Amino acid sequence: MNPRSEPLLWLQLVALGAIPLELLGLLLVLAGADPGPLPGLERLLAWAIGALGPAILLWQRPADVCSLLLTQVPVRARSEAQRGLSALQSPLSTKVALVLAASALLPLFWWIDQHAALAAPLSPLSASPRFVGLLLACPLLALMLWQWQQLSQAIGLLSRSPAALATCVPLTPVQLETERLCLGLPLLLLSPLQITNPTPPQPTPTVAEVTSEPGATEDQSPTATPEPLAGGTVAIEPEQPTEEGESTDLDEEIT
C-alpha cells in the first residue's frame, strides 16, 4: 500500500490553514481585557497550562496518526496498512518537532498578548475579566500544539515510499492503545484512495502514415466475370494485342 492512499494523512494537512485562524482567534480572545499587574507571570502560567503540559503528554505518547482529535478510526477496526503507518512514526523527529513548537509558542503568545489591545473593538469578550481570556487561550494553545505534531507526522509519512510501509511491522491494537494518544469518538471509517498511474496518450496517426501502409493505395475494384448468353453460350472478351500488328478474334463462342 502507498502511504499517499491514506485519506487521513491528507486531512491532517488542513492544519496549514487552521493554525493561522487559531492565532487570530487567540488575538481576539486576549483583546477582551487589559493585562493585569503581572502580565509576564500570567503569560507564563497560560503557556505552561496550554502548551507545556500537553507537550509533556505528547512526548510520552505521540498523537495517533488515525486520530483527528474529535473523531478517530476504531483501534480494533484498523487495517494492517493503518497500523503500519503508526509503526512508521519516527519518535525522534516527532519529539524534535514537538519541542520546537512548544518553544515557539511562548514568544508568539507573548507578542500576541502585547499587541492584543489593537483588536479590542473586534473582540467578542469585550469588558470580560482577564481570567476568562487566559482560560480560553489555554485550549487554543493546546490545539495548535496537537495540530502541529499531526502536521509534521503527516508530511513525514507522505514522503515515505511504499517499500518502507511494506517492510515495517504493524503495531498491535494493544500497542496502539498504550503507546499512542488516540483521542476522539471511534466513528471515522474512510476508504483508501485509489492511486493509479496515468497512461500516456496514444499518438494520432498522420495522413502520410496512413497512406504508407501496405494495401492502402491498392485498387479494390472487383474483377468482371463473363455473362452467359442465350442458348447456354458464354461470351469471352477479346484479348488485347500484345504486339503491334497482331490481332485476335473479336468474337468467340463456346457452345
C-alpha atoms as a PDB file:
ATOM      1  CA  MET A   1       0.000   0.000   0.000  1.00  0.00           C
ATOM      2  CA  ASN A   2       1.138   3.529  -0.761  1.00  0.00           C
ATOM      3  CA  PRO A   3       1.097   5.923   2.247  1.00  0.00           C
ATOM      4  CA  ARG A   4      -0.409   8.551  -0.043  1.00  0.00           C
ATOM      5  CA  SER A   5      -3.552   6.466  -0.416  1.00  0.00           C
ATOM      6  CA  GLU A   6      -4.469   7.055   3.242  1.00  0.00           C
ATOM      7  CA  PRO A   7      -7.054   9.902   3.300  1.00  0.00           C
ATOM      8  CA  LEU A   8      -6.415  10.754   6.978  1.00  0.00           C
ATOM      9  CA  LEU A   9      -2.911  11.963   6.161  1.00  0.00           C
ATOM     10  CA  TRP A  10      -4.294  14.413   3.616  1.00  0.00           C
ATOM     11  CA  LEU A  11      -6.981  15.597   6.042  1.00  0.00           C
ATOM     12  CA  GLN A  12      -4.328  16.466   8.599  1.00  0.00           C
ATOM     13  CA  LEU A  13      -2.805  18.934   6.126  1.00  0.00           C
ATOM     14  CA  VAL A  14      -5.793  21.175   6.856  1.00  0.00           C
ATOM     15  CA  ALA A  15      -3.730  22.396   9.822  1.00  0.00           C
ATOM     16  CA  LEU A  16      -1.780  24.564   7.375  1.00  0.00           C
ATOM     17  CA  GLY A  17      -4.831  26.813   7.129  1.00  0.00           C
ATOM     18  CA  ALA A  18      -6.300  26.188  10.581  1.00  0.00           C
ATOM     19  CA  ILE A  19      -3.296  27.286  12.641  1.00  0.00           C
ATOM     20  CA  PRO A  20      -3.308  30.905  11.312  1.00  0.00           C
ATOM     21  CA  LEU A  21      -7.031  31.123  12.069  1.00  0.00           C
ATOM     22  CA  GLU A  22      -6.423  29.871  15.612  1.00  0.00           C
ATOM     23  CA  LEU A  23      -3.746  32.513  16.097  1.00  0.00           C
ATOM     24  CA  LEU A  24      -6.275  35.124  15.029  1.00  0.00           C
ATOM     25  CA  GLY A  25      -8.767  33.695  17.498  1.00  0.00           C
ATOM     26  CA  LEU A  26      -6.116  33.859  20.216  1.00  0.00           C
ATOM     27  CA  LEU A  27      -5.602  37.540  19.451  1.00  0.00           C
ATOM     28  CA  LEU A  28      -9.322  38.284  19.706  1.00  0.00           C
ATOM     29  CA  VAL A  29      -9.655  36.345  22.962  1.00  0.00           C
ATOM     30  CA  LEU A  30      -6.767  38.166  24.631  1.00  0.00           C
ATOM     31  CA  ALA A  31      -8.066  41.529  23.429  1.00  0.00           C
ATOM     32  CA  GLY A  32     -11.133  41.275  25.664  1.00  0.00           C
ATOM     33  CA  ALA A  33      -9.397  42.591  28.790  1.00  0.00           C
ATOM     34  CA  ASP A  34      -6.361  44.627  29.746  1.00  0.00           C
ATOM     35  CA  PRO A  35      -3.331  42.841  31.197  1.00  0.00           C
ATOM     36  CA  GLY A  36      -3.146  42.579  34.965  1.00  0.00           C
ATOM     37  CA  PRO A  37      -0.437  43.898  37.284  1.00  0.00           C
ATOM     38  CA  LEU A  38       1.870  40.961  36.410  1.00  0.00           C
ATOM     39  CA  PRO A  39       1.327  40.283  32.678  1.00  0.00           C
ATOM     40  CA  GLY A  40       4.567  38.288  32.329  1.00  0.00           C
ATOM     41  CA  LEU A  41       3.553  35.848  35.050  1.00  0.00           C
ATOM     42  CA  GLU A  42       0.080  35.486  33.528  1.00  0.00           C
ATOM     43  CA  ARG A  43       1.570  34.654  30.142  1.00  0.00           C
ATOM     44  CA  LEU A  44       3.940  32.096  31.603  1.00  0.00           C
ATOM     45  CA  LEU A  45       1.147  30.375  33.518  1.00  0.00           C
ATOM     46  CA  ALA A  46      -1.131  30.295  30.479  1.00  0.00           C
ATOM     47  CA  TRP A  47       1.688  28.930  28.291  1.00  0.00           C
ATOM     48  CA  ALA A  48       2.568  26.286  30.893  1.00  0.00           C
ATOM     49  CA  ILE A  49      -1.041  25.079  31.079  1.00  0.00           C
ATOM     50  CA  GLY A  50      -1.838  25.314  27.360  1.00  0.00           C
ATOM     51  CA  ALA A  51       1.462  24.323  25.757  1.00  0.00           C
ATOM     52  CA  LEU A  52       3.973  22.881  28.211  1.00  0.00           C
ATOM     53  CA  GLY A  53       1.592  20.414  29.844  1.00  0.00           C
ATOM     54  CA  PRO A  54       0.296  18.970  26.530  1.00  0.00           C
ATOM     55  CA  ALA A  55       3.870  18.860  25.206  1.00  0.00           C
ATOM     56  CA  ILE A  56       4.923  16.615  28.094  1.00  0.00           C
ATOM     57  CA  LEU A  57       1.953  14.338  27.414  1.00  0.00           C
ATOM     58  CA  LEU A  58       2.653  14.169  23.674  1.00  0.00           C
ATOM     59  CA  TRP A  59       6.313  13.486  24.427  1.00  0.00           C
ATOM     60  CA  GLN A  60       5.356  10.328  26.271  1.00  0.00           C
ATOM     61  CA  ARG A  61       2.551   9.274  23.922  1.00  0.00           C
ATOM     62  CA  PRO A  62       2.692  10.823  20.428  1.00  0.00           C
ATOM     63  CA  ALA A  63      -0.514  11.801  18.685  1.00  0.00           C
ATOM     64  CA  ASP A  64      -2.078   8.911  16.817  1.00  0.00           C
ATOM     65  CA  VAL A  65      -1.974   9.036  13.038  1.00  0.00           C
ATOM     66  CA  CYS A  66      -5.585   7.887  12.656  1.00  0.00           C
ATOM     67  CA  SER A  67      -6.992  10.385  15.161  1.00  0.00           C
ATOM     68  CA  LEU A  68      -8.429  13.788  14.248  1.00  0.00           C
ATOM     69  CA  LEU A  69      -8.894  14.856  17.887  1.00  0.00           C
ATOM     70  CA  LEU A  70     -12.707  14.773  17.719  1.00  0.00           C
ATOM     71  CA  THR A  71     -13.051  11.533  15.733  1.00  0.00           C
ATOM     72  CA  GLN A  72     -10.783   8.596  15.114  1.00  0.00           C
ATOM     73  CA  VAL A  73     -10.680   5.251  13.342  1.00  0.00           C
ATOM     74  CA  PRO A  74     -11.665   2.472  15.782  1.00  0.00           C
ATOM     75  CA  VAL A  75      -8.498   0.787  17.013  1.00  0.00           C
ATOM     76  CA  ARG A  76      -9.887  -2.725  16.565  1.00  0.00           C
ATOM     77  CA  ALA A  77     -11.134  -1.954  13.057  1.00  0.00           C
ATOM     78  CA  ARG A  78      -7.905  -0.528  11.649  1.00  0.00           C
ATOM     79  CA  SER A  79      -6.331  -2.155   8.640  1.00  0.00           C
ATOM     80  CA  GLU A  80      -2.826  -3.537   8.568  1.00  0.00           C
ATOM     81  CA  ALA A  81      -1.687  -0.563   6.486  1.00  0.00           C
ATOM     82  CA  GLN A  82      -3.025   1.940   9.037  1.00  0.00           C
ATOM     83  CA  ARG A  83      -1.294   0.110  11.887  1.00  0.00           C
ATOM     84  CA  GLY A  84       1.843   0.090   9.743  1.00  0.00           C
ATOM     85  CA  LEU A  85       1.649   3.878   9.397  1.00  0.00           C
ATOM     86  CA  SER A  86       1.552   4.133  13.186  1.00  0.00           C
ATOM     87  CA  ALA A  87       4.678   1.984  13.343  1.00  0.00           C
ATOM     88  CA  LEU A  88       6.420   4.261  10.828  1.00  0.00           C
ATOM     89  CA  GLN A  89       6.106   7.277  13.128  1.00  0.00           C
ATOM     90  CA  SER A  90       9.638   8.330  13.953  1.00  0.00           C
ATOM     91  CA  PRO A  91       9.884   9.081  17.688  1.00  0.00           C
ATOM     92  CA  LEU A  92      12.953  11.305  17.278  1.00  0.00           C
ATOM     93  CA  SER A  93      11.580  13.577  14.554  1.00  0.00           C
ATOM     94  CA  THR A  94       8.211  13.760  16.312  1.00  0.00           C
ATOM     95  CA  LYS A  95       9.785  14.840  19.591  1.00  0.00           C
ATOM     96  CA  VAL A  96      12.041  17.383  17.887  1.00  0.00           C
ATOM     97  CA  ALA A  97       9.048  18.951  16.127  1.00  0.00           C
ATOM     98  CA  LEU A  98       7.147  18.961  19.406  1.00  0.00           C
ATOM     99  CA  VAL A  99       9.936  20.768  21.280  1.00  0.00           C
ATOM    100  CA  LEU A 100      10.256  23.356  18.517  1.00  0.00           C
ATOM    101  CA  ALA A 101       6.509  24.000  18.506  1.00  0.00           C
ATOM    102  CA  ALA A 102       6.243  24.357  22.284  1.00  0.00           C
ATOM    103  CA  SER A 103       9.261  26.650  22.388  1.00  0.00           C
ATOM    104  CA  ALA A 104       7.949  28.825  19.560  1.00  0.00           C
ATOM    105  CA  LEU A 105       4.531  29.216  21.169  1.00  0.00           C
ATOM    106  CA  LEU A 106       5.926  31.100  24.177  1.00  0.00           C
ATOM    107  CA  PRO A 107       7.379  34.127  22.323  1.00  0.00           C
ATOM    108  CA  LEU A 108       4.471  34.049  19.890  1.00  0.00           C
ATOM    109  CA  PHE A 109       1.928  34.063  22.708  1.00  0.00           C
ATOM    110  CA  TRP A 110       3.888  36.826  24.461  1.00  0.00           C
ATOM    111  CA  TRP A 111       3.909  39.010  21.323  1.00  0.00           C
ATOM    112  CA  ILE A 112       0.200  38.448  20.617  1.00  0.00           C
ATOM    113  CA  ASP A 113      -0.746  39.390  24.159  1.00  0.00           C
ATOM    114  CA  GLN A 114       1.308  42.570  23.953  1.00  0.00           C
ATOM    115  CA  HIS A 115      -0.460  43.693  20.764  1.00  0.00           C
ATOM    116  CA  ALA A 116      -3.936  42.355  21.581  1.00  0.00           C
ATOM    117  CA  ALA A 117      -5.204  45.807  22.538  1.00  0.00           C
ATOM    118  CA  LEU A 118      -5.227  46.765  18.855  1.00  0.00           C
ATOM    119  CA  ALA A 119      -8.058  44.280  18.257  1.00  0.00           C
ATOM    120  CA  ALA A 120     -10.118  45.325  21.299  1.00  0.00           C
ATOM    121  CA  PRO A 121     -13.018  46.743  19.216  1.00  0.00           C
ATOM    122  CA  LEU A 122     -13.373  43.381  17.427  1.00  0.00           C
ATOM    123  CA  SER A 123     -13.097  41.121  20.459  1.00  0.00           C
ATOM    124  CA  PRO A 124     -16.209  39.074  21.336  1.00  0.00           C
ATOM    125  CA  LEU A 125     -15.124  39.163  25.010  1.00  0.00           C
ATOM    126  CA  SER A 126     -15.037  42.932  25.473  1.00  0.00           C
ATOM    127  CA  ALA A 127     -15.231  44.074  29.101  1.00  0.00           C
ATOM    128  CA  SER A 128     -14.708  40.493  30.318  1.00  0.00           C
ATOM    129  CA  PRO A 129     -12.291  39.567  33.134  1.00  0.00           C
ATOM    130  CA  ARG A 130      -8.686  38.838  32.291  1.00  0.00           C
ATOM    131  CA  PHE A 131      -9.026  35.378  33.760  1.00  0.00           C
ATOM    132  CA  VAL A 132     -11.643  34.448  31.148  1.00  0.00           C
ATOM    133  CA  GLY A 133      -9.366  35.449  28.267  1.00  0.00           C
ATOM    134  CA  LEU A 134      -6.438  33.473  29.642  1.00  0.00           C
ATOM    135  CA  LEU A 135      -8.656  30.498  30.366  1.00  0.00           C
ATOM    136  CA  LEU A 136      -9.860  30.408  26.744  1.00  0.00           C
ATOM    137  CA  ALA A 137      -6.334  30.885  25.430  1.00  0.00           C
ATOM    138  CA  CYS A 138      -5.108  27.646  27.030  1.00  0.00           C
ATOM    139  CA  PRO A 139      -7.164  25.242  24.851  1.00  0.00           C
ATOM    140  CA  LEU A 140      -6.214  27.230  21.749  1.00  0.00           C
ATOM    141  CA  LEU A 141      -2.536  26.742  22.572  1.00  0.00           C
ATOM    142  CA  ALA A 142      -3.057  23.014  23.175  1.00  0.00           C
ATOM    143  CA  LEU A 143      -4.977  22.684  19.909  1.00  0.00           C
ATOM    144  CA  MET A 144      -2.208  24.367  17.912  1.00  0.00           C
ATOM    145  CA  LEU A 145       0.384  22.100  19.528  1.00  0.00           C
ATOM    146  CA  TRP A 146      -1.643  18.987  18.649  1.00  0.00           C
ATOM    147  CA  GLN A 147      -2.167  20.102  15.062  1.00  0.00           C
ATOM    148  CA  TRP A 148       1.499  20.961  14.646  1.00  0.00           C
ATOM    149  CA  GLN A 149       2.543  17.467  15.660  1.00  0.00           C
ATOM    150  CA  GLN A 150      -0.085  15.897  13.406  1.00  0.00           C
ATOM    151  CA  LEU A 151       1.033  18.099  10.513  1.00  0.00           C
ATOM    152  CA  SER A 152       4.701  17.196  10.906  1.00  0.00           C
ATOM    153  CA  GLN A 153       3.817  13.487  11.139  1.00  0.00           C
ATOM    154  CA  ALA A 154       1.592  13.624   8.064  1.00  0.00           C
ATOM    155  CA  ILE A 155       4.264  15.337   5.954  1.00  0.00           C
ATOM    156  CA  GLY A 156       6.847  12.798   7.081  1.00  0.00           C
ATOM    157  CA  LEU A 157       4.621   9.798   6.317  1.00  0.00           C
ATOM    158  CA  LEU A 158       3.511  11.121   2.933  1.00  0.00           C
ATOM    159  CA  SER A 159       7.151  11.327   1.897  1.00  0.00           C
ATOM    160  CA  ARG A 160       7.813   7.661   2.739  1.00  0.00           C
ATOM    161  CA  SER A 161       7.962   5.080  -0.020  1.00  0.00           C
ATOM    162  CA  PRO A 162       5.578   2.117  -0.340  1.00  0.00           C
ATOM    163  CA  ALA A 163       8.537  -0.222   0.233  1.00  0.00           C
ATOM    164  CA  ALA A 164       9.093   1.240   3.706  1.00  0.00           C
ATOM    165  CA  LEU A 165       5.468   0.594   4.606  1.00  0.00           C
ATOM    166  CA  ALA A 166       5.642  -2.956   3.277  1.00  0.00           C
ATOM    167  CA  THR A 167       8.715  -3.858   5.339  1.00  0.00           C
ATOM    168  CA  CYS A 168       7.660  -2.385   8.709  1.00  0.00           C
ATOM    169  CA  VAL A 169       5.955  -4.484  11.364  1.00  0.00           C
ATOM    170  CA  PRO A 170       2.438  -3.119  12.137  1.00  0.00           C
ATOM    171  CA  LEU A 171       1.590  -2.268  15.712  1.00  0.00           C
ATOM    172  CA  THR A 172      -0.949  -4.388  17.527  1.00  0.00           C
ATOM    173  CA  PRO A 173      -4.175  -2.848  18.897  1.00  0.00           C
ATOM    174  CA  VAL A 174      -2.783  -3.164  22.424  1.00  0.00           C
ATOM    175  CA  GLN A 175       0.367  -1.259  21.453  1.00  0.00           C
ATOM    176  CA  LEU A 176      -1.709   1.466  19.831  1.00  0.00           C
ATOM    177  CA  GLU A 177      -3.747   1.964  22.979  1.00  0.00           C
ATOM    178  CA  THR A 178      -0.702   2.104  25.243  1.00  0.00           C
ATOM    179  CA  GLU A 179       1.879   3.890  23.051  1.00  0.00           C
ATOM    180  CA  ARG A 180      -0.243   6.376  21.069  1.00  0.00           C
ATOM    181  CA  LEU A 181      -2.625   9.114  22.167  1.00  0.00           C
ATOM    182  CA  CYS A 182      -5.879   8.113  20.453  1.00  0.00           C
ATOM    183  CA  LEU A 183      -8.428  10.882  21.019  1.00  0.00           C
ATOM    184  CA  GLY A 184     -11.907  11.221  19.545  1.00  0.00           C
ATOM    185  CA  LEU A 185     -15.010   9.174  19.019  1.00  0.00           C
ATOM    186  CA  PRO A 186     -14.362   5.894  17.136  1.00  0.00           C
ATOM    187  CA  LEU A 187     -16.687   6.750  14.269  1.00  0.00           C
ATOM    188  CA  LEU A 188     -14.288   7.515  11.415  1.00  0.00           C
ATOM    189  CA  LEU A 189     -14.217   4.926   8.617  1.00  0.00           C
ATOM    190  CA  LEU A 190     -12.791   6.080   5.277  1.00  0.00           C
ATOM    191  CA  SER A 191     -11.910   4.011   2.235  1.00  0.00           C
ATOM    192  CA  PRO A 192      -8.335   4.209   0.876  1.00  0.00           C
ATOM    193  CA  LEU A 193      -7.730   6.483  -2.064  1.00  0.00           C
ATOM    194  CA  GLN A 194      -7.272   4.861  -5.457  1.00  0.00           C
ATOM    195  CA  ILE A 195      -3.938   5.978  -6.891  1.00  0.00           C
ATOM    196  CA  THR A 196      -3.329   4.913 -10.493  1.00  0.00           C
ATOM    197  CA  ASN A 197      -0.502   5.774 -12.841  1.00  0.00           C
ATOM    198  CA  PRO A 198      -1.765   7.871 -15.772  1.00  0.00           C
ATOM    199  CA  THR A 199      -1.292   6.180 -19.173  1.00  0.00           C
ATOM    200  CA  PRO A 200       0.401   8.290 -21.840  1.00  0.00           C
ATOM    201  CA  PRO A 201      -1.882   9.344 -24.719  1.00  0.00           C
ATOM    202  CA  GLN A 202      -1.565   7.348 -27.911  1.00  0.00           C
ATOM    203  CA  PRO A 203      -0.172   9.353 -30.875  1.00  0.00           C
ATOM    204  CA  THR A 204      -2.666  10.094 -33.633  1.00  0.00           C
ATOM    205  CA  PRO A 205      -1.511   8.674 -36.999  1.00  0.00           C
ATOM    206  CA  THR A 206      -0.811  11.259 -39.668  1.00  0.00           C
ATOM    207  CA  VAL A 207      -2.010  11.204 -43.281  1.00  0.00           C
ATOM    208  CA  ALA A 208       1.434  10.159 -44.503  1.00  0.00           C
ATOM    209  CA  GLU A 209       1.489   7.171 -42.124  1.00  0.00           C
ATOM    210  CA  VAL A 210      -1.970   6.060 -43.224  1.00  0.00           C
ATOM    211  CA  THR A 211      -1.155   6.260 -46.969  1.00  0.00           C
ATOM    212  CA  SER A 212       2.168   4.474 -46.475  1.00  0.00           C
ATOM    213  CA  GLU A 213       0.502   1.359 -45.066  1.00  0.00           C
ATOM    214  CA  PRO A 214       0.604  -1.696 -47.364  1.00  0.00           C
ATOM    215  CA  GLY A 215      -2.547  -2.147 -49.359  1.00  0.00           C
ATOM    216  CA  ALA A 216      -3.780   1.375 -48.595  1.00  0.00           C
ATOM    217  CA  THR A 217      -3.497   2.510 -52.279  1.00  0.00           C
ATOM    218  CA  GLU A 218      -4.323  -0.750 -53.983  1.00  0.00           C
ATOM    219  CA  ASP A 219      -7.274  -0.797 -56.304  1.00  0.00           C
ATOM    220  CA  GLN A 220     -10.056  -2.778 -54.714  1.00  0.00           C
ATOM    221  CA  SER A 221     -12.359  -2.820 -57.806  1.00  0.00           C
ATOM    222  CA  PRO A 222     -13.980  -6.220 -58.360  1.00  0.00           C
ATOM    223  CA  THR A 223     -12.979  -8.404 -61.327  1.00  0.00           C
ATOM    224  CA  ALA A 224     -15.520  -8.610 -64.121  1.00  0.00           C
ATOM    225  CA  THR A 225     -16.965 -12.096 -64.757  1.00  0.00           C
ATOM    226  CA  PRO A 226     -18.301 -13.252 -68.095  1.00  0.00           C
ATOM    227  CA  GLU A 227     -22.050 -13.148 -68.540  1.00  0.00           C
ATOM    228  CA  PRO A 228     -23.894 -16.088 -70.120  1.00  0.00           C
ATOM    229  CA  LEU A 229     -25.640 -15.529 -73.480  1.00  0.00           C
ATOM    230  CA  ALA A 230     -28.821 -17.038 -74.804  1.00  0.00           C
ATOM    231  CA  GLY A 231     -28.570 -20.718 -75.685  1.00  0.00           C
ATOM    232  CA  GLY A 232     -26.079 -21.516 -72.957  1.00  0.00           C
ATOM    233  CA  THR A 233     -23.145 -19.774 -74.613  1.00  0.00           C
ATOM    234  CA  VAL A 234     -20.692 -17.611 -72.787  1.00  0.00           C
ATOM    235  CA  ALA A 235     -19.157 -14.534 -74.332  1.00  0.00           C
ATOM    236  CA  ILE A 236     -15.435 -14.121 -73.865  1.00  0.00           C
ATOM    237  CA  GLU A 237     -13.929 -10.677 -74.004  1.00  0.00           C
ATOM    238  CA  PRO A 238     -11.401 -10.228 -76.756  1.00  0.00           C
ATOM    239  CA  GLU A 239      -7.782 -10.118 -75.742  1.00  0.00           C
ATOM    240  CA  GLN A 240      -5.758  -7.000 -76.329  1.00  0.00           C
ATOM    241  CA  PRO A 241      -2.945  -7.296 -78.836  1.00  0.00           C
ATOM    242  CA  THR A 242       0.399  -7.890 -77.168  1.00  0.00           C
ATOM    243  CA  GLU A 243       2.485  -6.546 -80.039  1.00  0.00           C
ATOM    244  CA  GLU A 244       1.900  -4.101 -82.785  1.00  0.00           C
ATOM    245  CA  GLY A 245       0.393  -5.792 -85.810  1.00  0.00           C
ATOM    246  CA  GLU A 246      -1.059  -8.770 -84.008  1.00  0.00           C
ATOM    247  CA  SER A 247      -4.805  -9.280 -83.639  1.00  0.00           C
ATOM    248  CA  THR A 248      -7.125 -11.793 -82.098  1.00  0.00           C
ATOM    249  CA  ASP A 249     -10.620 -12.900 -82.893  1.00  0.00           C
ATOM    250  CA  LEU A 250     -13.199 -10.357 -81.873  1.00  0.00           C
ATOM    251  CA  ASP A 251     -15.982 -12.822 -81.060  1.00  0.00           C
ATOM    252  CA  GLU A 252     -15.590 -16.328 -79.908  1.00  0.00           C
ATOM    253  CA  GLU A 253     -18.384 -18.526 -78.704  1.00  0.00           C
ATOM    254  CA  ILE A 254     -18.265 -21.787 -76.889  1.00  0.00           C
ATOM    255  CA  THR A 255     -21.262 -23.988 -77.315  1.00  0.00           C
END
